[in-house]
C-alpha atoms as a PDB file:
ATOM      1  CA  MET A   1    -110.596  -3.210 -27.420  1.00  0.00           C
ATOM      2  CA  LYS A   2    -111.689  -0.221 -25.358  1.00  0.00           C
ATOM      3  CA  LYS A   3    -115.018   1.425 -26.126  1.00  0.00           C
ATOM      4  CA  TYR A   4    -115.252   5.192 -25.806  1.00  0.00           C
ATOM      5  CA  ILE A   5    -117.989   7.713 -26.335  1.00  0.00           C
ATOM      6  CA  GLY A   6    -117.028  10.882 -28.199  1.00  0.00           C
ATOM      7  CA  ILE A   7    -118.964  14.072 -27.537  1.00  0.00           C
ATOM      8  CA  ALA A   8    -118.483  17.206 -29.600  1.00  0.00           C
ATOM      9  CA  GLY A   9    -120.023  19.924 -27.442  1.00  0.00           C
ATOM     10  CA  THR A  10    -121.773  21.736 -30.248  1.00  0.00           C
ATOM     11  CA  ASN A  11    -124.909  21.764 -32.368  1.00  0.00           C
ATOM     12  CA  TYR A  12    -123.163  23.257 -35.427  1.00  0.00           C
ATOM     13  CA  ASP A  13    -122.859  20.703 -38.249  1.00  0.00           C
ATOM     14  CA  LYS A  14    -119.615  22.174 -39.625  1.00  0.00           C
ATOM     15  CA  SER A  15    -117.977  22.555 -36.222  1.00  0.00           C
ATOM     16  CA  LEU A  16    -114.212  22.215 -35.985  1.00  0.00           C
ATOM     17  CA  ASN A  17    -114.766  20.250 -32.778  1.00  0.00           C
ATOM     18  CA  LYS A  18    -116.861  17.706 -34.680  1.00  0.00           C
ATOM     19  CA  LYS A  19    -113.992  17.556 -37.163  1.00  0.00           C
ATOM     20  CA  LEU A  20    -111.531  16.936 -34.324  1.00  0.00           C
ATOM     21  CA  MET A  21    -113.747  14.218 -32.852  1.00  0.00           C
ATOM     22  CA  LYS A  22    -114.002  12.480 -36.237  1.00  0.00           C
ATOM     23  CA  PHE A  23    -110.206  12.714 -36.614  1.00  0.00           C
ATOM     24  CA  ILE A  24    -109.764  11.135 -33.168  1.00  0.00           C
ATOM     25  CA  GLN A  25    -112.254   8.392 -34.065  1.00  0.00           C
ATOM     26  CA  THR A  26    -110.421   7.568 -37.310  1.00  0.00           C
ATOM     27  CA  HIS A  27    -106.836   8.071 -36.165  1.00  0.00           C
ATOM     28  CA  PHE A  28    -107.221   5.828 -33.106  1.00  0.00           C
ATOM     29  CA  LYS A  29    -109.486   3.159 -34.617  1.00  0.00           C
ATOM     30  CA  ASP A  30    -106.839   0.480 -33.903  1.00  0.00           C
ATOM     31  CA  GLN A  31    -106.734   1.450 -30.203  1.00  0.00           C
ATOM     32  CA  ALA A  32    -110.393   1.961 -29.402  1.00  0.00           C
ATOM     33  CA  GLU A  33    -113.878   1.889 -30.797  1.00  0.00           C
ATOM     34  CA  ILE A  34    -115.128   5.460 -30.490  1.00  0.00           C
ATOM     35  CA  GLU A  35    -118.827   6.103 -30.957  1.00  0.00           C
ATOM     36  CA  ILE A  36    -119.617   9.766 -31.482  1.00  0.00           C
ATOM     37  CA  ILE A  37    -122.949  10.722 -29.985  1.00  0.00           C
ATOM     38  CA  ASP A  38    -125.008  13.754 -30.936  1.00  0.00           C
ATOM     39  CA  ILE A  39    -126.222  15.960 -28.088  1.00  0.00           C
ATOM     40  CA  SER A  40    -127.803  18.637 -30.271  1.00  0.00           C
ATOM     41  CA  ASN A  41    -131.295  17.105 -30.262  1.00  0.00           C
ATOM     42  CA  LEU A  42    -131.717  16.807 -26.510  1.00  0.00           C
ATOM     43  CA  PRO A  43    -134.637  18.796 -25.122  1.00  0.00           C
ATOM     44  CA  VAL A  44    -133.850  21.790 -22.956  1.00  0.00           C
ATOM     45  CA  PHE A  45    -133.288  20.479 -19.427  1.00  0.00           C
ATOM     46  CA  TYR A  46    -136.177  20.423 -17.005  1.00  0.00           C
ATOM     47  CA  LYS A  47    -136.821  18.381 -13.859  1.00  0.00           C
ATOM     48  CA  VAL A  48    -139.038  15.618 -15.103  1.00  0.00           C
ATOM     49  CA  PRO A  49    -141.789  14.322 -12.829  1.00  0.00           C
ATOM     50  CA  GLY A  50    -140.810  11.035 -11.205  1.00  0.00           C
ATOM     51  CA  GLY A  51    -137.388  11.022 -12.873  1.00  0.00           C
ATOM     52  CA  ASN A  52    -138.809   9.668 -16.137  1.00  0.00           C
ATOM     53  CA  LEU A  53    -136.144  10.810 -18.565  1.00  0.00           C
ATOM     54  CA  PRO A  54    -136.901  11.545 -22.222  1.00  0.00           C
ATOM     55  CA  THR A  55    -136.028   8.578 -24.430  1.00  0.00           C
ATOM     56  CA  GLU A  56    -133.158  10.377 -26.175  1.00  0.00           C
ATOM     57  CA  VAL A  57    -131.543  11.112 -22.795  1.00  0.00           C
ATOM     58  CA  GLN A  58    -131.996   7.516 -21.610  1.00  0.00           C
ATOM     59  CA  VAL A  59    -130.298   6.179 -24.758  1.00  0.00           C
ATOM     60  CA  LEU A  60    -127.255   8.445 -24.304  1.00  0.00           C
ATOM     61  CA  ASP A  61    -127.108   7.743 -20.547  1.00  0.00           C
ATOM     62  CA  GLU A  62    -126.918   4.013 -21.287  1.00  0.00           C
ATOM     63  CA  LYS A  63    -124.209   4.444 -23.931  1.00  0.00           C
ATOM     64  CA  ILE A  64    -122.087   6.524 -21.558  1.00  0.00           C
ATOM     65  CA  ALA A  65    -122.628   4.089 -18.673  1.00  0.00           C
ATOM     66  CA  GLN A  66    -121.511   1.139 -20.825  1.00  0.00           C
ATOM     67  CA  ALA A  67    -118.433   2.887 -22.270  1.00  0.00           C
ATOM     68  CA  ASP A  68    -114.928   2.535 -20.848  1.00  0.00           C
ATOM     69  CA  GLY A  69    -114.439   6.302 -21.079  1.00  0.00           C
ATOM     70  CA  VAL A  70    -115.610   9.543 -22.672  1.00  0.00           C
ATOM     71  CA  ILE A  71    -113.699  11.978 -24.889  1.00  0.00           C
ATOM     72  CA  PHE A  72    -114.958  15.546 -25.209  1.00  0.00           C
ATOM     73  CA  ALA A  73    -114.145  18.086 -27.893  1.00  0.00           C
ATOM     74  CA  THR A  74    -115.531  21.393 -26.698  1.00  0.00           C
ATOM     75  CA  PRO A  75    -115.702  24.761 -28.387  1.00  0.00           C
ATOM     76  CA  GLU A  76    -115.266  27.883 -26.277  1.00  0.00           C
ATOM     77  CA  TYR A  77    -117.895  30.605 -26.288  1.00  0.00           C
ATOM     78  CA  ASP A  78    -117.496  33.592 -23.967  1.00  0.00           C
ATOM     79  CA  HIS A  79    -114.822  31.774 -21.907  1.00  0.00           C
ATOM     80  CA  SER A  80    -117.138  28.812 -21.294  1.00  0.00           C
ATOM     81  CA  VAL A  81    -118.714  25.718 -22.824  1.00  0.00           C
ATOM     82  CA  PRO A  82    -121.565  26.135 -25.311  1.00  0.00           C
ATOM     83  CA  ALA A  83    -125.148  26.065 -24.065  1.00  0.00           C
ATOM     84  CA  VAL A  84    -125.865  22.781 -25.878  1.00  0.00           C
ATOM     85  CA  LEU A  85    -123.064  21.062 -23.926  1.00  0.00           C
ATOM     86  CA  MET A  86    -124.199  22.582 -20.626  1.00  0.00           C
ATOM     87  CA  ASN A  87    -127.723  21.368 -21.370  1.00  0.00           C
ATOM     88  CA  ALA A  88    -126.455  17.822 -21.994  1.00  0.00           C
ATOM     89  CA  MET A  89    -124.414  17.862 -18.794  1.00  0.00           C
ATOM     90  CA  GLU A  90    -127.516  18.906 -16.841  1.00  0.00           C
ATOM     91  CA  TRP A  91    -129.363  15.879 -18.209  1.00  0.00           C
ATOM     92  CA  PHE A  92    -126.397  13.593 -17.482  1.00  0.00           C
ATOM     93  CA  SER A  93    -126.240  14.813 -13.876  1.00  0.00           C
ATOM     94  CA  TYR A  94    -129.916  14.027 -13.325  1.00  0.00           C
ATOM     95  CA  VAL A  95    -131.341  10.634 -12.294  1.00  0.00           C
ATOM     96  CA  ASN A  96    -128.921   8.032 -13.806  1.00  0.00           C
ATOM     97  CA  GLN A  97    -125.649   9.972 -13.459  1.00  0.00           C
ATOM     98  CA  PRO A  98    -123.636   7.890 -15.985  1.00  0.00           C
ATOM     99  CA  PHE A  99    -120.446   9.913 -15.497  1.00  0.00           C
ATOM    100  CA  HIS A 100    -119.870   8.735 -11.915  1.00  0.00           C
ATOM    101  CA  ASP A 101    -116.209   7.547 -11.862  1.00  0.00           C
ATOM    102  CA  LYS A 102    -116.166   7.482 -15.687  1.00  0.00           C
ATOM    103  CA  PRO A 103    -112.703   8.304 -17.116  1.00  0.00           C
ATOM    104  CA  VAL A 104    -112.827  11.501 -19.186  1.00  0.00           C
ATOM    105  CA  LEU A 105    -110.408  13.173 -21.620  1.00  0.00           C
ATOM    106  CA  ILE A 106    -111.099  16.761 -22.689  1.00  0.00           C
ATOM    107  CA  THR A 107    -109.936  18.307 -25.975  1.00  0.00           C
ATOM    108  CA  GLY A 108    -111.008  21.297 -28.020  1.00  0.00           C
ATOM    109  CA  VAL A 109    -110.528  23.491 -31.070  1.00  0.00           C
ATOM    110  CA  SER A 110    -110.952  27.246 -31.335  1.00  0.00           C
ATOM    111  CA  TYR A 111    -110.570  29.879 -34.018  1.00  0.00           C
ATOM    112  CA  GLY A 112    -108.124  31.923 -31.924  1.00  0.00           C
ATOM    113  CA  SER A 113    -104.608  31.127 -30.780  1.00  0.00           C
ATOM    114  CA  LEU A 114    -105.413  30.073 -27.191  1.00  0.00           C
ATOM    115  CA  GLY A 115    -107.367  26.952 -28.001  1.00  0.00           C
ATOM    116  CA  THR A 116    -110.220  26.172 -25.657  1.00  0.00           C
ATOM    117  CA  SER A 117    -108.364  26.411 -22.361  1.00  0.00           C
ATOM    118  CA  ARG A 118    -111.083  28.312 -20.491  1.00  0.00           C
ATOM    119  CA  ALA A 119    -113.897  26.093 -21.753  1.00  0.00           C
ATOM    120  CA  GLN A 120    -111.883  22.995 -20.864  1.00  0.00           C
ATOM    121  CA  ASP A 121    -111.334  24.359 -17.369  1.00  0.00           C
ATOM    122  CA  HIS A 122    -115.039  25.116 -17.043  1.00  0.00           C
ATOM    123  CA  LEU A 123    -115.949  21.619 -18.275  1.00  0.00           C
ATOM    124  CA  ARG A 124    -113.592  20.155 -15.655  1.00  0.00           C
ATOM    125  CA  GLN A 125    -115.440  22.120 -12.966  1.00  0.00           C
ATOM    126  CA  ILE A 126    -118.788  20.852 -14.248  1.00  0.00           C
ATOM    127  CA  LEU A 127    -117.562  17.245 -14.370  1.00  0.00           C
ATOM    128  CA  ASN A 128    -116.300  17.590 -10.773  1.00  0.00           C
ATOM    129  CA  ALA A 129    -119.821  18.387  -9.538  1.00  0.00           C
ATOM    130  CA  PRO A 130    -121.087  15.781  -7.052  1.00  0.00           C
ATOM    131  CA  GLU A 131    -123.896  14.784  -9.424  1.00  0.00           C
ATOM    132  CA  LEU A 132    -121.398  13.954 -12.182  1.00  0.00           C
ATOM    133  CA  SER A 133    -118.220  12.922 -10.285  1.00  0.00           C
ATOM    134  CA  ALA A 134    -116.282  11.959 -13.404  1.00  0.00           C
ATOM    135  CA  ALA A 135    -112.750  10.583 -13.196  1.00  0.00           C
ATOM    136  CA  LEU A 136    -110.913  13.421 -14.911  1.00  0.00           C
ATOM    137  CA  MET A 137    -107.573  12.677 -16.452  1.00  0.00           C
ATOM    138  CA  PRO A 138    -105.216  14.872 -14.404  1.00  0.00           C
ATOM    139  CA  SER A 139    -102.865  17.483 -15.832  1.00  0.00           C
ATOM    140  CA  GLN A 140    -103.864  16.905 -19.434  1.00  0.00           C
ATOM    141  CA  GLU A 141    -105.015  19.388 -22.041  1.00  0.00           C
ATOM    142  CA  PHE A 142    -105.162  19.099 -25.781  1.00  0.00           C
ATOM    143  CA  LEU A 143    -105.693  22.527 -27.270  1.00  0.00           C
ATOM    144  CA  VAL A 144    -105.948  23.292 -30.972  1.00  0.00           C
ATOM    145  CA  GLY A 145    -105.719  26.987 -31.781  1.00  0.00           C
ATOM    146  CA  ARG A 146    -106.272  28.579 -35.167  1.00  0.00           C
ATOM    147  CA  GLY A 147    -108.588  25.725 -36.052  1.00  0.00           C
ATOM    148  CA  PHE A 148    -109.309  26.827 -39.605  1.00  0.00           C
ATOM    149  CA  GLN A 149    -105.659  26.189 -40.500  1.00  0.00           C
ATOM    150  CA  ALA A 150    -105.310  23.020 -38.386  1.00  0.00           C
ATOM    151  CA  PHE A 151    -107.135  20.577 -40.688  1.00  0.00           C
ATOM    152  CA  ASN A 152    -106.832  19.738 -44.369  1.00  0.00           C
ATOM    153  CA  GLU A 153    -109.843  19.246 -46.662  1.00  0.00           C
ATOM    154  CA  ASP A 154    -110.131  15.583 -45.608  1.00  0.00           C
ATOM    155  CA  GLY A 155    -110.416  16.533 -41.933  1.00  0.00           C
ATOM    156  CA  THR A 156    -106.899  15.409 -41.031  1.00  0.00           C
ATOM    157  CA  LEU A 157    -105.022  17.329 -38.359  1.00  0.00           C
ATOM    158  CA  THR A 158    -102.000  18.546 -40.324  1.00  0.00           C
ATOM    159  CA  ASN A 159     -99.570  19.720 -37.646  1.00  0.00           C
ATOM    160  CA  GLU A 160     -97.325  16.712 -36.923  1.00  0.00           C
ATOM    161  CA  ASP A 161     -96.381  18.010 -33.472  1.00  0.00           C
ATOM    162  CA  MET A 162    -100.068  18.303 -32.555  1.00  0.00           C
ATOM    163  CA  VAL A 163    -100.725  14.783 -33.833  1.00  0.00           C
ATOM    164  CA  LYS A 164     -97.821  13.461 -31.726  1.00  0.00           C
ATOM    165  CA  ASP A 165     -99.171  15.348 -28.703  1.00  0.00           C
ATOM    166  CA  LEU A 166    -102.632  13.887 -29.292  1.00  0.00           C
ATOM    167  CA  GLU A 167    -101.136  10.401 -29.639  1.00  0.00           C
ATOM    168  CA  ALA A 168     -99.348  10.864 -26.305  1.00  0.00           C
ATOM    169  CA  GLN A 169    -102.601  12.111 -24.739  1.00  0.00           C
ATOM    170  CA  MET A 170    -104.516   9.122 -26.069  1.00  0.00           C
ATOM    171  CA  SER A 171    -101.858   6.692 -24.838  1.00  0.00           C
ATOM    172  CA  ALA A 172    -102.006   8.279 -21.388  1.00  0.00           C
ATOM    173  CA  PHE A 173    -105.812   8.167 -21.491  1.00  0.00           C
ATOM    174  CA  ASN A 174    -105.785   4.450 -22.378  1.00  0.00           C
ATOM    175  CA  ASP A 175    -103.514   3.860 -19.365  1.00  0.00           C
ATOM    176  CA  PHE A 176    -105.745   6.024 -17.167  1.00  0.00           C
ATOM    177  CA  VAL A 177    -108.822   4.060 -18.232  1.00  0.00           C
ATOM    178  CA  ALA A 178    -107.066   0.762 -17.467  1.00  0.00           C
ATOM    179  CA  GLN A 179    -106.057   2.015 -14.021  1.00  0.00           C
ATOM    180  CA  ASN A 180    -109.604   3.146 -13.243  1.00  0.00           C
ATOM    181  CA  LYS A 181    -111.326  -0.155 -14.041  1.00  0.00           C
END
C-alpha cells in the first residue's frame, strides 16, 4: 500500500482544508495510508548555523522523504498560500530538501466560488523552485468552492460530482506515483 503525507497548509484548527485532508485520508484508506502532518508548530524560518535543523523540522523532513508522495490542501489568502505554509516550504527547501522528485498532488478549499486556484498555482511555482524540485502532477487541480456548504457535519464532502472528481484525481495520482518510482 502506498504511503502519503497529507499537509493542510494552515494553522487554523477548524480549517476547511484540514477537513478536506481528513476526508481524503478516510475516503481513500483502502488505497493508501495517509499520515497528516501538522506544520503549524514549526519555528519561523531562519538560516540555522551549520545546517542543524530544529528537531520538529527534521522529523517532518524524514516523514516526507520516506513517503511515496505528498498531498496538499491549501487555503488561499490574498491570491497566495498562507504564511504558515510558506514558512514550512522554506524549511523543506533548506538542507535536506525532501521534496526532490517527490510526487505531489495539490487540492484546496475556499469560502468563495473560485476555489483555491491562485494559491494552487502559487504553490506549484514554489514546488518548482530548484531547492524543492517536486514532481508535480501535471494538469490536475481539485478545487472546492463555497467550502462551508461542501461538507456535512461529519466532515464528508457531499457533492457527488466533486467526490467522483476527487476519486479520479486520486486514481491518476496513484498512477503518477507508480510511474515516478
